[in-house]
Amino acid sequence: MSNILIPLFGIFLLLFSCQSTTKLINGYPLPDLTLPDKNGQKITLSAINENKIILVEFWASWCQPCRVKHPELNRIYQMYKDKKFLNANGFEILYVNLDSKKELWLEAMEKDGIDNWKYHVADLKGMRKSLIPNQFQFEQIPTAFLIDANGIIIGKDMSEDRLFHELKFRLKK
């Protein structure tokens, strides 16, 4: 009897381990995301991906490493938002906030000069209660994914310098 149970147990373990979620790494699609913006309008990632390269970044007003990035991200956004790329027309940032209080989110956007970006969204549940960190497989912020016009991940957690050069490399000559 034990000779039969051991192989069956092995098969069970193999089948169970194969049901894990897809890793969010280069070459794989980023899951879609729909969240309200500051006016309550639902924004869906796949709907804004109109042949654009998109940086999907997760942040919060209380996260100092997130806030330090804002001047450089703003410079990169202004430089590349209307550029033509090899396989895309333009660059956008979908900035996903993980605060629990709307006023903190909006105040940080204004103070850091990023309120001119088109796409800011938040579920306002806070980092601990939000399902977003689990869905996008991260435990700390800032976390970011760069996706191409097809929603495929082409970079993760890139420094601002690396992001700048990645976008420059993809420019249409």
Protein backbone atom coordinates (compact mmCIF):
# COMPACT_ATOMS: atom_id res chain seq x y z
CA MET A 1 0.00 0.00 0.00
CA SER A 2 2.79 2.47 0.88
CA ASN A 3 4.40 1.75 -2.52
CA ILE A 4 1.31 3.22 -4.18
CA LEU A 5 0.90 6.20 -1.82
CA ILE A 6 4.40 7.59 -2.34
CA PRO A 7 4.03 8.05 -6.15
CA LEU A 8 0.49 9.42 -5.72
CA PHE A 9 1.74 11.92 -3.14
CA GLY A 10 4.51 12.97 -5.55
CA ILE A 11 2.01 13.53 -8.36
CA PHE A 12 -0.21 15.56 -6.00
CA LEU A 13 2.73 17.80 -5.04
CA LEU A 14 3.70 18.28 -8.68
CA LEU A 15 0.17 19.25 -9.71
CA PHE A 16 -0.24 21.58 -6.73
CA SER A 17 3.05 23.38 -7.41
CA CYS A 18 2.15 23.93 -11.09
CA GLN A 19 -0.90 25.99 -10.11
CA SER A 20 1.15 28.95 -8.87
CA THR A 21 0.56 32.40 -10.32
CA THR A 22 2.56 33.70 -13.25
CA LYS A 23 5.59 35.69 -12.17
CA LEU A 24 5.57 39.31 -13.22
CA ILE A 25 8.85 39.41 -15.13
CA ASN A 26 10.05 40.72 -18.48
CA GLY A 27 8.28 39.13 -21.42
CA TYR A 28 5.03 38.43 -19.58
CA PRO A 29 1.85 40.54 -19.59
CA LEU A 30 1.11 42.79 -16.66
CA PRO A 31 -2.36 42.13 -15.19
CA ASP A 32 -4.97 44.71 -16.02
CA LEU A 33 -5.95 47.21 -13.36
CA THR A 34 -9.04 49.37 -12.89
CA LEU A 35 -9.13 52.00 -10.14
CA PRO A 36 -10.76 55.38 -9.59
CA ASP A 37 -8.87 58.61 -10.20
CA LYS A 38 -9.09 61.66 -7.91
CA ASN A 39 -12.52 62.53 -9.37
CA GLY A 40 -13.92 59.02 -8.94
CA GLN A 41 -13.67 58.17 -12.67
CA LYS A 42 -12.63 54.55 -13.28
CA ILE A 43 -9.31 54.28 -15.15
CA THR A 44 -8.34 50.96 -16.71
CA LEU A 45 -4.74 50.25 -17.64
CA SER A 46 -5.62 48.44 -20.88
CA ALA A 47 -7.84 51.35 -21.94
CA ILE A 48 -5.05 53.93 -21.61
CA ASN A 49 -2.55 51.72 -23.37
CA GLU A 50 -3.28 53.21 -26.78
CA ASN A 51 -0.03 52.22 -28.43
CA LYS A 52 2.05 53.79 -25.65
CA ILE A 53 4.85 52.67 -23.39
CA ILE A 54 3.55 52.93 -19.83
CA LEU A 55 5.28 53.09 -16.49
CA VAL A 56 2.96 51.61 -13.86
CA GLU A 57 4.33 52.76 -10.51
CA PHE A 58 3.03 52.03 -7.01
CA TRP A 59 3.67 54.67 -4.33
CA ALA A 60 2.30 56.47 -1.27
CA SER A 61 2.62 59.95 0.22
CA TRP A 62 4.38 58.59 3.32
CA CYS A 63 7.03 56.77 1.24
CA GLN A 64 10.13 59.00 1.11
CA PRO A 65 11.95 56.88 -1.53
CA CYS A 66 8.82 57.29 -3.70
CA ARG A 67 8.69 61.04 -3.24
CA VAL A 68 12.42 61.55 -3.92
CA LYS A 69 11.88 60.11 -7.41
CA HIS A 70 9.24 62.67 -8.42
CA PRO A 71 11.45 65.43 -9.89
CA GLU A 72 13.33 62.98 -12.12
CA LEU A 73 10.18 61.08 -13.13
CA ASN A 74 8.56 64.40 -14.00
CA ARG A 75 11.55 65.31 -16.18
CA ILE A 76 11.42 61.93 -17.94
CA TYR A 77 7.65 62.22 -18.44
CA GLN A 78 7.93 65.70 -19.96
CA MET A 79 10.77 64.58 -22.22
CA TYR A 80 9.18 61.39 -23.59
CA LYS A 81 5.38 61.75 -23.35
CA ASP A 82 4.97 62.78 -27.00
CA LYS A 83 7.91 60.93 -28.57
CA LYS A 84 7.61 58.26 -31.24
CA PHE A 85 9.10 54.92 -30.30
CA LEU A 86 9.90 51.90 -32.45
CA ASN A 87 6.70 50.12 -31.44
CA ALA A 88 4.76 52.85 -29.64
CA ASN A 89 3.58 56.43 -29.94
CA GLY A 90 4.25 58.16 -26.65
CA PHE A 91 4.92 57.46 -23.01
CA GLU A 92 2.54 57.61 -20.06
CA ILE A 93 2.74 57.05 -16.34
CA LEU A 94 -0.04 55.29 -14.44
CA TYR A 95 0.68 56.31 -10.86
CA VAL A 96 -1.03 53.97 -8.41
CA ASN A 97 -1.30 55.42 -4.91
CA LEU A 98 -1.52 53.22 -1.80
CA ASP A 99 -2.57 55.83 0.76
CA SER A 100 -5.69 55.43 2.87
CA LYS A 101 -6.56 59.15 2.95
CA LYS A 102 -7.38 61.02 -0.23
CA GLU A 103 -6.19 64.39 1.10
CA LEU A 104 -2.67 63.02 1.76
CA TRP A 105 -2.54 61.59 -1.76
CA LEU A 106 -3.68 64.82 -3.44
CA GLU A 107 -1.47 67.04 -1.27
CA ALA A 108 1.63 64.99 -2.11
CA MET A 109 0.84 65.11 -5.85
CA GLU A 110 0.52 68.88 -5.79
CA LYS A 111 3.51 69.51 -3.54
CA ASP A 112 5.76 67.27 -5.68
CA GLY A 113 4.55 68.79 -8.96
CA ILE A 114 3.24 65.56 -10.45
CA ASP A 115 -0.43 66.53 -10.55
CA ASN A 116 -0.03 67.37 -14.26
CA TRP A 117 0.34 63.68 -15.19
CA LYS A 118 -2.83 62.31 -16.78
CA TYR A 119 -3.26 59.09 -14.82
CA HIS A 120 -3.31 59.02 -11.02
CA VAL A 121 -5.42 56.31 -9.36
CA ALA A 122 -5.95 54.91 -5.85
CA ASP A 123 -8.16 52.43 -4.04
CA LEU A 124 -7.63 54.38 -0.76
CA LYS A 125 -7.45 51.19 1.30
CA GLY A 126 -3.86 51.70 2.39
CA MET A 127 -0.92 49.42 1.75
CA ARG A 128 -1.93 46.79 4.33
CA LYS A 129 -5.59 46.41 3.30
CA SER A 130 -5.26 46.83 -0.46
CA LEU A 131 -5.26 43.75 -2.69
CA ILE A 132 -2.91 45.50 -5.12
CA PRO A 133 0.42 44.43 -3.55
CA ASN A 134 -0.64 40.79 -3.71
CA GLN A 135 -1.99 41.08 -7.26
CA PHE A 136 1.22 42.71 -8.48
CA GLN A 137 3.53 40.57 -6.32
CA PHE A 138 5.32 43.20 -4.24
CA GLU A 139 5.83 43.90 -0.54
CA GLN A 140 7.44 47.33 -0.62
CA ILE A 141 7.19 50.55 -2.55
CA PRO A 142 8.18 52.12 -4.79
CA THR A 143 7.60 49.26 -7.20
CA ALA A 144 7.26 49.87 -10.92
CA PHE A 145 6.68 48.00 -14.15
CA LEU A 146 7.48 49.37 -17.60
CA ILE A 147 5.20 47.86 -20.23
CA ASP A 148 5.18 48.10 -23.98
CA ALA A 149 2.19 48.99 -26.17
CA ASN A 150 0.96 45.39 -25.91
CA GLY A 151 0.99 45.36 -22.11
CA ILE A 152 4.10 43.17 -21.94
CA ILE A 153 6.59 43.86 -19.15
CA ILE A 154 9.85 45.28 -20.51
CA GLY A 155 11.33 46.45 -17.20
CA LYS A 156 10.77 46.26 -13.47
CA ASP A 157 11.95 48.56 -10.67
CA MET A 158 14.30 50.43 -12.95
CA SER A 159 16.26 53.38 -11.61
CA GLU A 160 15.31 56.71 -13.15
CA ASP A 161 18.61 56.68 -15.06
CA ARG A 162 17.88 53.20 -16.44
CA LEU A 163 14.31 54.24 -17.34
CA PHE A 164 15.62 57.30 -19.19
CA HIS A 165 18.08 55.18 -21.20
CA GLU A 166 15.54 52.42 -21.88
CA LEU A 167 13.14 54.96 -23.37
CA LYS A 168 15.94 56.64 -25.31
CA PHE A 169 17.00 53.25 -26.72
CA ARG A 170 13.44 52.57 -27.94
CA LEU A 171 13.06 55.92 -29.75
CA LYS A 172 12.25 55.80 -33.46
CA LYS A 173 15.31 56.95 -35.37
